[in-house]
């Protein structure tokens, strides 16, 4: 049985973030999610926050710390896409995605780090994407932001590793969510053909990897990138 921790999942109101929060609750942790709208799963504390706004993150942390105690596990999951080819991509389409996906993770981790250093314990888990390592046409903004999380986790490991704090990256591939369900069947089939496992992952399969990284068993793993992609991005 792993120690019960206070966990924060950003963007925990849908998709992978929702599944991660659900799995932490199922394992007996105290779980808060941030969301701009909607609610986290049953048993979680949902707090309004926008990762592009440092003040809103600070308020959210204060609210969570008051209700659940110091945050020990941070899962930076909040993310957006604004896909378009490079030649058509506006500067705003690039910077807004980076500001949410990469700088947003920085803001959350920075606010969390004081408490983690004080406790001399912490688990930082950054949700990247197979696209961050493998690349994808039409996603120069998204893949850049997701690749940046790898450098962030590895630098955090070098800065904070001696204080009982780990920082790792989980890189999901195609996951069965509302977004993939809406794709035309022919396109879904095309994607499935490119995946050695021959299927999309369930959100819970990503969630279980995240909760394991947060567990006592994973204390000596840091700066790692763990793909959950059915073999799609092998070696990247």
Protein backbone atom coordinates (compact mmCIF):
# COMPACT_ATOMS: atom_id res chain seq x y z
CA UNK A 1 0.00 0.00 0.00
CA UNK A 2 1.45 3.34 -1.00
CA UNK A 3 1.37 6.32 1.34
CA UNK A 4 -1.71 8.53 1.03
CA UNK A 5 -0.72 11.86 -0.52
CA UNK A 6 -2.26 15.23 -1.39
CA UNK A 7 -2.42 15.36 -5.18
CA UNK A 8 -3.12 18.17 -7.65
CA UNK A 9 -4.09 17.41 -11.25
CA UNK A 10 -4.38 20.42 -13.56
CA UNK A 11 -7.05 20.19 -16.24
CA UNK A 12 -8.75 17.39 -14.34
CA UNK A 13 -12.27 17.99 -15.63
CA UNK A 14 -12.11 15.78 -18.75
CA UNK A 15 -10.14 13.25 -20.76
CA UNK A 16 -6.82 12.02 -19.45
CA UNK A 17 -6.76 14.49 -16.53
CA UNK A 18 -10.15 13.24 -15.32
CA UNK A 19 -8.98 9.61 -15.51
CA UNK A 20 -5.77 10.45 -13.60
CA UNK A 21 -7.73 12.18 -10.82
CA UNK A 22 -10.17 9.24 -10.69
CA UNK A 23 -7.34 6.72 -10.30
CA UNK A 24 -5.67 8.71 -7.50
CA UNK A 25 -9.02 8.82 -5.65
CA UNK A 26 -9.46 5.06 -6.16
CA UNK A 27 -6.03 4.53 -4.56
CA UNK A 28 -7.01 6.50 -1.47
CA UNK A 29 -5.28 9.83 -2.06
CA UNK A 30 -6.63 13.33 -1.33
CA UNK A 31 -7.15 14.81 -4.77
CA UNK A 32 -7.77 18.31 -6.09
CA UNK A 33 -8.21 19.27 -9.73
CA UNK A 34 -7.98 22.66 -11.37
CA UNK A 35 -10.34 23.44 -14.21
CA UNK A 36 -11.49 26.51 -16.08
CA UNK A 37 -14.95 24.94 -16.32
CA UNK A 38 -16.65 21.65 -15.47
CA UNK A 39 -15.91 19.41 -12.50
CA UNK A 40 -13.42 16.73 -11.57
CA UNK A 41 -14.52 13.19 -10.73
CA UNK A 42 -16.45 12.28 -7.59
CA UNK A 43 -14.31 12.50 -4.47
CA UNK A 44 -12.12 15.33 -5.78
CA UNK A 45 -12.01 19.00 -4.86
CA UNK A 46 -12.47 21.09 -8.02
CA UNK A 47 -10.87 24.52 -7.93
CA UNK A 48 -11.19 27.18 -10.64
CA UNK A 49 -7.84 28.14 -12.11
CA UNK A 50 -6.28 29.09 -15.42
CA UNK A 51 -2.67 27.94 -15.89
CA UNK A 52 -1.93 31.04 -17.99
CA UNK A 53 -2.58 33.22 -14.91
CA UNK A 54 -0.07 32.90 -12.05
CA UNK A 55 -2.39 34.69 -9.59
CA UNK A 56 -5.22 32.25 -10.22
CA UNK A 57 -2.79 29.34 -9.65
CA UNK A 58 -1.63 30.88 -6.38
CA UNK A 59 -5.24 31.26 -5.20
CA UNK A 60 -6.01 27.67 -6.20
CA UNK A 61 -3.00 26.34 -4.30
CA UNK A 62 -3.96 28.29 -1.19
CA UNK A 63 -7.51 26.93 -1.37
CA UNK A 64 -6.28 23.34 -1.82
CA UNK A 65 -3.65 23.61 0.94
CA UNK A 66 -6.30 24.91 3.34
CA UNK A 67 -8.74 22.10 2.50
CA UNK A 68 -6.43 19.12 1.97
CA UNK A 69 -3.00 20.04 3.33
CA UNK A 70 0.31 20.68 1.54
CA UNK A 71 0.42 19.41 -2.06
CA UNK A 72 2.87 16.54 -2.43
CA UNK A 73 2.13 15.29 -5.96
CA UNK A 74 1.70 17.63 -8.93
CA UNK A 75 0.40 16.38 -12.26
CA UNK A 76 0.69 19.10 -14.91
CA UNK A 77 -1.86 17.96 -17.46
CA UNK A 78 -3.69 21.11 -18.63
CA UNK A 79 -3.17 21.61 -22.35
CA UNK A 80 -4.65 22.99 -25.53
CA UNK A 81 -4.14 22.47 -29.28
CA UNK A 82 -4.44 24.98 -32.11
CA UNK A 83 -3.38 22.87 -35.07
CA UNK A 84 -2.45 24.38 -38.40
CA UNK A 85 0.46 24.13 -40.80
CA UNK A 86 3.54 26.25 -40.06
CA UNK A 87 3.06 28.61 -43.00
CA UNK A 88 -0.49 29.41 -41.85
CA UNK A 89 0.25 29.45 -38.11
CA UNK A 90 -0.09 32.88 -36.55
CA UNK A 91 2.24 34.02 -33.82
CA UNK A 92 -0.70 33.94 -31.40
CA UNK A 93 -1.50 30.34 -32.35
CA UNK A 94 2.08 29.43 -31.45
CA UNK A 95 2.51 31.47 -28.27
CA UNK A 96 -0.92 30.69 -26.77
CA UNK A 97 -0.27 26.94 -26.97
CA UNK A 98 3.22 27.30 -25.49
CA UNK A 99 1.85 29.61 -22.76
CA UNK A 100 -0.72 27.02 -21.67
CA UNK A 101 1.16 23.76 -22.18
CA UNK A 102 4.72 24.70 -21.25
CA UNK A 103 4.73 28.00 -19.36
CA UNK A 104 1.54 26.83 -17.61
CA UNK A 105 3.41 23.79 -16.29
CA UNK A 106 6.26 26.07 -15.17
CA UNK A 107 3.84 28.29 -13.21
CA UNK A 108 2.24 25.32 -11.48
CA UNK A 109 5.53 23.60 -10.63
CA UNK A 110 7.11 26.84 -9.40
CA UNK A 111 4.20 27.47 -7.02
CA UNK A 112 4.32 23.84 -5.82
CA UNK A 113 8.09 23.70 -5.34
CA UNK A 114 8.23 25.70 -2.09
CA UNK A 115 6.00 23.17 -0.35
CA UNK A 116 7.81 20.20 -1.87
CA UNK A 117 11.21 21.54 -0.75
CA UNK A 118 9.91 22.16 2.74
CA UNK A 119 8.54 18.62 2.96
CA UNK A 120 11.68 17.17 1.34
CA UNK A 121 9.32 15.04 -0.72
CA UNK A 122 7.63 15.56 -4.05
CA UNK A 123 6.44 13.96 -7.24
CA UNK A 124 6.22 16.16 -10.31
CA UNK A 125 4.63 14.43 -13.31
CA UNK A 126 4.38 16.33 -16.59
CA UNK A 127 1.93 15.04 -19.19
CA UNK A 128 3.59 15.37 -22.58
CA UNK A 129 2.70 13.54 -25.79
CA UNK A 130 4.21 11.12 -28.28
CA UNK A 131 4.02 14.12 -30.64
CA UNK A 132 6.56 15.98 -28.48
CA UNK A 133 9.23 13.46 -29.47
CA UNK A 134 7.92 12.03 -32.75
CA UNK A 135 6.65 15.26 -34.35
CA UNK A 136 3.43 15.82 -36.24
CA UNK A 137 2.55 17.91 -39.28
CA UNK A 138 0.32 20.81 -38.31
CA UNK A 139 1.46 20.74 -34.68
CA UNK A 140 4.68 22.77 -34.57
CA UNK A 141 3.24 24.71 -31.60
CA UNK A 142 1.89 21.69 -29.70
CA UNK A 143 4.90 19.42 -30.28
CA UNK A 144 7.32 22.22 -29.28
CA UNK A 145 5.41 22.80 -26.04
CA UNK A 146 5.30 19.08 -25.25
CA UNK A 147 8.99 18.52 -26.07
CA UNK A 148 9.84 21.41 -23.74
CA UNK A 149 8.39 19.46 -20.81
CA UNK A 150 11.19 16.90 -21.18
CA UNK A 151 13.86 19.57 -20.68
CA UNK A 152 11.86 20.94 -17.75
CA UNK A 153 11.63 17.57 -15.97
CA UNK A 154 15.33 16.87 -16.45
CA UNK A 155 16.39 20.30 -15.21
CA UNK A 156 14.05 19.95 -12.21
CA UNK A 157 15.63 16.58 -11.47
CA UNK A 158 19.09 18.16 -11.39
CA UNK A 159 17.91 21.06 -9.22
CA UNK A 160 15.66 19.24 -6.77
CA UNK A 161 16.68 15.59 -6.94
CA UNK A 162 18.71 15.67 -3.73
CA UNK A 163 15.64 16.86 -1.77
CA UNK A 164 13.49 13.76 -2.24
CA UNK A 165 11.72 15.25 -5.27
CA UNK A 166 11.34 13.43 -8.59
CA UNK A 167 10.24 14.92 -11.92
CA UNK A 168 9.13 12.68 -14.76
CA UNK A 169 7.31 12.88 -18.08
CA UNK A 170 4.51 10.64 -19.31
CA UNK A 171 4.07 10.75 -23.09
CA UNK A 172 0.70 9.33 -24.17
CA UNK A 173 0.01 8.34 -27.75
CA UNK A 174 -3.53 8.00 -29.15
CA UNK A 175 -5.94 7.77 -26.25
CA UNK A 176 -9.64 7.00 -26.54
CA UNK A 177 -11.29 10.25 -25.43
CA UNK A 178 -14.19 12.42 -26.65
CA UNK A 179 -11.74 14.03 -29.07
CA UNK A 180 -10.65 10.78 -30.77
CA UNK A 181 -14.23 9.41 -30.72
CA UNK A 182 -15.28 12.37 -32.90
CA UNK A 183 -12.79 11.54 -35.66
CA UNK A 184 -14.23 9.90 -38.79
CA UNK A 185 -14.00 6.08 -38.63
CA UNK A 186 -11.68 5.95 -41.67
CA UNK A 187 -9.25 8.34 -39.99
CA UNK A 188 -9.39 6.37 -36.74
CA UNK A 189 -8.58 3.20 -38.70
CA UNK A 190 -5.64 4.95 -40.41
CA UNK A 191 -4.25 5.97 -37.00
CA UNK A 192 -4.74 2.48 -35.58
CA UNK A 193 -2.69 1.00 -38.44
CA UNK A 194 0.29 3.15 -37.42
CA UNK A 195 0.23 1.83 -33.82
CA UNK A 196 2.01 -1.50 -33.24
CA UNK A 197 -0.52 -2.37 -30.51
CA UNK A 198 -3.30 -1.92 -33.08
CA UNK A 199 -5.60 0.05 -30.81
CA UNK A 200 -5.98 3.32 -28.93
CA UNK A 201 -5.25 3.35 -25.19
CA UNK A 202 -7.89 3.75 -22.55
CA UNK A 203 -7.41 6.90 -20.40
CA UNK A 204 -7.08 4.61 -17.35
CA UNK A 205 -3.95 3.03 -18.87
CA UNK A 206 -2.24 6.44 -18.77
CA UNK A 207 -3.64 7.12 -15.28
CA UNK A 208 -2.13 3.94 -13.83
CA UNK A 209 1.35 4.87 -15.07
CA UNK A 210 0.99 8.34 -13.50
CA UNK A 211 -0.16 6.97 -10.13
CA UNK A 212 2.71 4.47 -10.16
CA UNK A 213 5.24 7.28 -10.75
CA UNK A 214 3.74 9.08 -7.74
CA UNK A 215 4.04 6.00 -5.53
CA UNK A 216 6.70 5.09 -2.99
CA UNK A 217 7.94 2.37 -5.37
CA UNK A 218 9.06 4.92 -7.98
CA UNK A 219 11.25 7.05 -5.69
CA UNK A 220 14.45 6.37 -7.64
CA UNK A 221 13.02 7.23 -11.05
CA UNK A 222 13.54 10.82 -12.14
CA UNK A 223 14.08 12.66 -15.41
CA UNK A 224 12.50 9.73 -17.25
CA UNK A 225 10.17 9.89 -20.23
CA UNK A 226 7.67 7.05 -20.14
CA UNK A 227 5.73 6.54 -23.36
CA UNK A 228 2.21 5.11 -23.14
CA UNK A 229 1.68 4.85 -26.86
CA UNK A 230 1.42 1.18 -27.85
CA UNK A 231 4.85 1.39 -29.49
CA UNK A 232 4.01 4.27 -31.84
CA UNK A 233 7.03 6.46 -31.05
CA UNK A 234 9.62 3.78 -30.30
CA UNK A 235 13.10 5.15 -29.78
CA UNK A 236 12.09 8.81 -29.93
